[in-house]
Amino acid sequence: MPFPDYADTVLAVVAAGGWILAGVVTWRHRRNEAGRRQAYELGMLHAQEMAEDFRAVQRK
C-alpha cells in the first residue's frame, strides 16, 4: 500500500524539520548569549578604566 509509505515519509520529513529548527534556535540563542556576555564584559572593562581615570584626575 502506497499510503502508509507516503504518510511515514511525510512524518519523517516533518520530524527532521523539527529537529533542524530546534538546532537552529538553540544555536542562535547560544550565539546571542555569547554576544551579550561579551558586551557586558567589555562594558565592565570600560567602566573600570573610566573609574581609574577619574581617580587619577582627582589625585592631581
PDB file of N, CA and C in Angstrom:
ATOM      1  N   MET A   1       0.833  -1.196   0.000  1.00  0.00           N
ATOM      2  CA  MET A   1       0.000   0.000   0.000  1.00  0.00           C
ATOM      3  C   MET A   1       0.874   1.255   0.000  1.00  0.00           C
ATOM      4  N   PRO A   2       0.654   2.146  -0.953  1.00  0.00           N
ATOM      5  CA  PRO A   2       1.500   3.350  -1.017  1.00  0.00           C
ATOM      6  C   PRO A   2       1.146   4.387   0.058  1.00  0.00           C
ATOM      7  N   PHE A   3      -0.094   4.376   0.572  1.00  0.00           N
ATOM      8  CA  PHE A   3      -0.495   5.435   1.516  1.00  0.00           C
ATOM      9  C   PHE A   3       0.303   5.419   2.814  1.00  0.00           C
ATOM     10  N   PRO A   4       0.477   4.254   3.483  1.00  0.00           N
ATOM     11  CA  PRO A   4       1.287   4.279   4.716  1.00  0.00           C
ATOM     12  C   PRO A   4       2.731   4.688   4.451  1.00  0.00           C
ATOM     13  N   ASP A   5       3.280   4.304   3.299  1.00  0.00           N
ATOM     14  CA  ASP A   5       4.652   4.701   2.978  1.00  0.00           C
ATOM     15  C   ASP A   5       4.746   6.211   2.817  1.00  0.00           C
ATOM     16  N   TYR A   6       3.752   6.785   2.153  1.00  0.00           N
ATOM     17  CA  TYR A   6       3.730   8.233   1.957  1.00  0.00           C
ATOM     18  C   TYR A   6       3.574   8.940   3.304  1.00  0.00           C
ATOM     19  N   ALA A   7       2.683   8.441   4.150  1.00  0.00           N
ATOM     20  CA  ALA A   7       2.467   9.056   5.464  1.00  0.00           C
ATOM     21  C   ALA A   7       3.722   8.957   6.318  1.00  0.00           C
ATOM     22  N   ASP A   8       4.395   7.814   6.268  1.00  0.00           N
ATOM     23  CA  ASP A   8       5.643   7.656   7.026  1.00  0.00           C
ATOM     24  C   ASP A   8       6.708   8.628   6.531  1.00  0.00           C
ATOM     25  N   THR A   9       6.760   8.820   5.220  1.00  0.00           N
ATOM     26  CA  THR A   9       7.734   9.751   4.650  1.00  0.00           C
ATOM     27  C   THR A   9       7.442  11.177   5.094  1.00  0.00           C
ATOM     28  N   VAL A  10       6.169  11.558   5.027  1.00  0.00           N
ATOM     29  CA  VAL A  10       5.793  12.909   5.459  1.00  0.00           C
ATOM     30  C   VAL A  10       6.109  13.104   6.940  1.00  0.00           C
ATOM     31  N   LEU A  11       5.789  12.118   7.748  1.00  0.00           N
ATOM     32  CA  LEU A  11       6.076  12.193   9.178  1.00  0.00           C
ATOM     33  C   LEU A  11       7.576  12.326   9.426  1.00  0.00           C
ATOM     34  N   ALA A  12       8.372  11.572   8.691  1.00  0.00           N
ATOM     35  CA  ALA A  12       9.829  11.645   8.850  1.00  0.00           C
ATOM     36  C   ALA A  12      10.361  13.014   8.447  1.00  0.00           C
ATOM     37  N   VAL A  13       9.826  13.574   7.365  1.00  0.00           N
ATOM     38  CA  VAL A  13      10.265  14.903   6.914  1.00  0.00           C
ATOM     39  C   VAL A  13       9.886  15.965   7.939  1.00  0.00           C
ATOM     40  N   VAL A  14       8.675  15.895   8.465  1.00  0.00           N
ATOM     41  CA  VAL A  14       8.235  16.867   9.477  1.00  0.00           C
ATOM     42  C   VAL A  14       9.083  16.745  10.738  1.00  0.00           C
ATOM     43  N   ALA A  15       9.372  15.525  11.158  1.00  0.00           N
ATOM     44  CA  ALA A  15      10.194  15.322  12.350  1.00  0.00           C
ATOM     45  C   ALA A  15      11.611  15.856  12.129  1.00  0.00           C
ATOM     46  N   ALA A  16      12.177  15.581  10.959  1.00  0.00           N
ATOM     47  CA  ALA A  16      13.523  16.081  10.653  1.00  0.00           C
ATOM     48  C   ALA A  16      13.533  17.607  10.631  1.00  0.00           C
ATOM     49  N   GLY A  17      12.497  18.206  10.050  1.00  0.00           N
ATOM     50  CA  GLY A  17      12.395  19.665  10.046  1.00  0.00           C
ATOM     51  C   GLY A  17      12.312  20.234  11.453  1.00  0.00           C
ATOM     52  N   GLY A  18      11.597  19.547  12.321  1.00  0.00           N
ATOM     53  CA  GLY A  18      11.511  19.988  13.715  1.00  0.00           C
ATOM     54  C   GLY A  18      12.855  19.943  14.411  1.00  0.00           C
ATOM     55  N   TRP A  19      13.607  18.867  14.181  1.00  0.00           N
ATOM     56  CA  TRP A  19      14.939  18.766  14.782  1.00  0.00           C
ATOM     57  C   TRP A  19      15.865  19.844  14.255  1.00  0.00           C
ATOM     58  N   ILE A  20      15.796  20.103  12.948  1.00  0.00           N
ATOM     59  CA  ILE A  20      16.636  21.151  12.353  1.00  0.00           C
ATOM     60  C   ILE A  20      16.262  22.513  12.917  1.00  0.00           C
ATOM     61  N   LEU A  21      14.981  22.802  13.022  1.00  0.00           N
ATOM     62  CA  LEU A  21      14.527  24.079  13.579  1.00  0.00           C
ATOM     63  C   LEU A  21      14.979  24.232  15.029  1.00  0.00           C
ATOM     64  N   ALA A  22      14.859  23.169  15.814  1.00  0.00           N
ATOM     65  CA  ALA A  22      15.299  23.228  17.212  1.00  0.00           C
ATOM     66  C   ALA A  22      16.805  23.489  17.286  1.00  0.00           C
ATOM     67  N   GLY A  23      17.568  22.878  16.409  1.00  0.00           N
ATOM     68  CA  GLY A  23      19.015  23.104  16.387  1.00  0.00           C
ATOM     69  C   GLY A  23      19.371  24.527  16.021  1.00  0.00           C
ATOM     70  N   VAL A  24      18.670  25.097  15.043  1.00  0.00           N
ATOM     71  CA  VAL A  24      18.923  26.485  14.637  1.00  0.00           C
ATOM     72  C   VAL A  24      18.567  27.443  15.769  1.00  0.00           C
ATOM     73  N   VAL A  25      17.428  27.210  16.408  1.00  0.00           N
ATOM     74  CA  VAL A  25      17.009  28.084  17.507  1.00  0.00           C
ATOM     75  C   VAL A  25      18.013  28.009  18.646  1.00  0.00           C
ATOM     76  N   THR A  26      18.468  26.818  18.992  1.00  0.00           N
ATOM     77  CA  THR A  26      19.452  26.651  20.068  1.00  0.00           C
ATOM     78  C   THR A  26      20.766  27.332  19.705  1.00  0.00           C
ATOM     79  N   TRP A  27      21.208  27.159  18.464  1.00  0.00           N
ATOM     80  CA  TRP A  27      22.463  27.770  18.028  1.00  0.00           C
ATOM     81  C   TRP A  27      22.375  29.285  18.087  1.00  0.00           C
ATOM     82  N   ARG A  28      21.258  29.848  17.619  1.00  0.00           N
ATOM     83  CA  ARG A  28      21.098  31.311  17.648  1.00  0.00           C
ATOM     84  C   ARG A  28      21.050  31.821  19.083  1.00  0.00           C
ATOM     85  N   HIS A  29      20.380  31.089  19.958  1.00  0.00           N
ATOM     86  CA  HIS A  29      20.297  31.507  21.358  1.00  0.00           C
ATOM     87  C   HIS A  29      21.691  31.528  21.990  1.00  0.00           C
ATOM     88  N   ARG A  30      22.466  30.486  21.753  1.00  0.00           N
ATOM     89  CA  ARG A  30      23.824  30.438  22.322  1.00  0.00           C
ATOM     90  C   ARG A  30      24.693  31.544  21.756  1.00  0.00           C
ATOM     91  N   ARG A  31      24.558  31.813  20.467  1.00  0.00           N
ATOM     92  CA  ARG A  31      25.356  32.878  19.845  1.00  0.00           C
ATOM     93  C   ARG A  31      24.962  34.230  20.414  1.00  0.00           C
ATOM     94  N   ASN A  32      23.666  34.473  20.579  1.00  0.00           N
ATOM     95  CA  ASN A  32      23.214  35.741  21.151  1.00  0.00           C
ATOM     96  C   ASN A  32      23.667  35.880  22.591  1.00  0.00           C
ATOM     97  N   GLU A  33      23.603  34.786  23.346  1.00  0.00           N
ATOM     98  CA  GLU A  33      24.032  34.811  24.752  1.00  0.00           C
ATOM     99  C   GLU A  33      25.521  35.148  24.843  1.00  0.00           C
ATOM    100  N   ALA A  34      26.328  34.569  23.960  1.00  0.00           N
ATOM    101  CA  ALA A  34      27.762  34.852  23.954  1.00  0.00           C
ATOM    102  C   ALA A  34      28.016  36.316  23.604  1.00  0.00           C
ATOM    103  N   GLY A  35      27.254  36.849  22.666  1.00  0.00           N
ATOM    104  CA  GLY A  35      27.397  38.259  22.299  1.00  0.00           C
ATOM    105  C   GLY A  35      27.026  39.176  23.445  1.00  0.00           C
ATOM    106  N   ARG A  36      25.945  38.845  24.163  1.00  0.00           N
ATOM    107  CA  ARG A  36      25.547  39.651  25.315  1.00  0.00           C
ATOM    108  C   ARG A  36      26.605  39.612  26.405  1.00  0.00           C
ATOM    109  N   ARG A  37      27.148  38.434  26.653  1.00  0.00           N
ATOM    110  CA  ARG A  37      28.175  38.275  27.691  1.00  0.00           C
ATOM    111  C   ARG A  37      29.418  39.084  27.323  1.00  0.00           C
ATOM    112  N   GLN A  38      29.804  39.038  26.063  1.00  0.00           N
ATOM    113  CA  GLN A  38      30.985  39.784  25.626  1.00  0.00           C
ATOM    114  C   GLN A  38      30.747  41.289  25.758  1.00  0.00           C
ATOM    115  N   ALA A  39      29.565  41.747  25.385  1.00  0.00           N
ATOM    116  CA  ALA A  39      29.254  43.172  25.516  1.00  0.00           C
ATOM    117  C   ALA A  39      29.263  43.596  26.979  1.00  0.00           C
ATOM    118  N   TYR A  40      28.748  42.758  27.860  1.00  0.00           N
ATOM    119  CA  TYR A  40      28.746  43.067  29.289  1.00  0.00           C
ATOM    120  C   TYR A  40      30.184  43.168  29.820  1.00  0.00           C
ATOM    121  N   GLU A  41      31.024  42.200  29.424  1.00  0.00           N
ATOM    122  CA  GLU A  41      32.409  42.217  29.900  1.00  0.00           C
ATOM    123  C   GLU A  41      33.153  43.437  29.367  1.00  0.00           C
ATOM    124  N   LEU A  42      32.928  43.800  28.123  1.00  0.00           N
ATOM    125  CA  LEU A  42      33.576  44.996  27.576  1.00  0.00           C
ATOM    126  C   LEU A  42      33.069  46.254  28.276  1.00  0.00           C
ATOM    127  N   GLY A  43      31.780  46.288  28.585  1.00  0.00           N
ATOM    128  CA  GLY A  43      31.227  47.434  29.312  1.00  0.00           C
ATOM    129  C   GLY A  43      31.809  47.552  30.702  1.00  0.00           C
ATOM    130  N   MET A  44      31.974  46.432  31.377  1.00  0.00           N
ATOM    131  CA  MET A  44      32.568  46.460  32.718  1.00  0.00           C
ATOM    132  C   MET A  44      34.030  46.909  32.648  1.00  0.00           C
ATOM    133  N   LEU A  45      34.768  46.438  31.661  1.00  0.00           N
ATOM    134  CA  LEU A  45      36.158  46.852  31.497  1.00  0.00           C
ATOM    135  C   LEU A  45      36.238  48.354  31.240  1.00  0.00           C
ATOM    136  N   HIS A  46      35.360  48.846  30.390  1.00  0.00           N
ATOM    137  CA  HIS A  46      35.337  50.280  30.091  1.00  0.00           C
ATOM    138  C   HIS A  46      35.011  51.089  31.352  1.00  0.00           C
ATOM    139  N   ALA A  47      34.046  50.612  32.138  1.00  0.00           N
ATOM    140  CA  ALA A  47      33.685  51.309  33.374  1.00  0.00           C
ATOM    141  C   ALA A  47      34.859  51.322  34.357  1.00  0.00           C
ATOM    142  N   GLN A  48      35.582  50.228  34.458  1.00  0.00           N
ATOM    143  CA  GLN A  48      36.744  50.187  35.351  1.00  0.00           C
ATOM    144  C   GLN A  48      37.825  51.162  34.897  1.00  0.00           C
ATOM    145  N   GLU A  49      38.058  51.218  33.588  1.00  0.00           N
ATOM    146  CA  GLU A  49      39.057  52.156  33.073  1.00  0.00           C
ATOM    147  C   GLU A  49      38.632  53.603  33.327  1.00  0.00           C
ATOM    148  N   MET A  50      37.357  53.894  33.154  1.00  0.00           N
ATOM    149  CA  MET A  50      36.876  55.255  33.416  1.00  0.00           C
ATOM    150  C   MET A  50      37.031  55.603  34.894  1.00  0.00           C
ATOM    151  N   ALA A  51      36.748  54.651  35.783  1.00  0.00           N
ATOM    152  CA  ALA A  51      36.890  54.896  37.216  1.00  0.00           C
ATOM    153  C   ALA A  51      38.352  55.144  37.573  1.00  0.00           C
ATOM    154  N   GLU A  52      39.264  54.385  36.980  1.00  0.00           N
ATOM    155  CA  GLU A  52      40.689  54.600  37.228  1.00  0.00           C
ATOM    156  C   GLU A  52      41.124  55.976  36.740  1.00  0.00           C
ATOM    157  N   ASP A  53      40.656  56.375  35.565  1.00  0.00           N
ATOM    158  CA  ASP A  53      40.988  57.708  35.041  1.00  0.00           C
ATOM    159  C   ASP A  53      40.431  58.796  35.956  1.00  0.00           C
ATOM    160  N   PHE A  54      39.214  58.607  36.447  1.00  0.00           N
ATOM    161  CA  PHE A  54      38.598  59.597  37.326  1.00  0.00           C
ATOM    162  C   PHE A  54      39.397  59.732  38.624  1.00  0.00           C
ATOM    163  N   ARG A  55      39.824  58.588  39.181  1.00  0.00           N
ATOM    164  CA  ARG A  55      40.626  58.628  40.411  1.00  0.00           C
ATOM    165  C   ARG A  55      41.964  59.304  40.162  1.00  0.00           C
ATOM    166  N   ALA A  56      42.563  59.043  38.994  1.00  0.00           N
ATOM    167  CA  ALA A  56      43.856  59.662  38.659  1.00  0.00           C
ATOM    168  C   ALA A  56      43.713  61.171  38.544  1.00  0.00           C
ATOM    169  N   VAL A  57      42.619  61.656  37.987  1.00  0.00           N
ATOM    170  CA  VAL A  57      42.382  63.089  37.848  1.00  0.00           C
ATOM    171  C   VAL A  57      42.174  63.710  39.227  1.00  0.00           C
ATOM    172  N   GLN A  58      41.478  63.025  40.111  1.00  0.00           N
ATOM    173  CA  GLN A  58      41.226  63.549  41.442  1.00  0.00           C
ATOM    174  C   GLN A  58      42.519  63.678  42.249  1.00  0.00           C
ATOM    175  N   ARG A  59      43.468  62.796  42.022  1.00  0.00           N
ATOM    176  CA  ARG A  59      44.727  62.829  42.772  1.00  0.00           C
ATOM    177  C   ARG A  59      45.598  64.000  42.377  1.00  0.00           C
ATOM    178  N   LYS A  60      45.438  64.489  41.162  1.00  0.00           N
ATOM    179  CA  LYS A  60      46.321  65.564  40.657  1.00  0.00           C
ATOM    180  C   LYS A  60      46.010  66.875  41.267  1.00  0.00           C
TER     181      LYS A  60
END
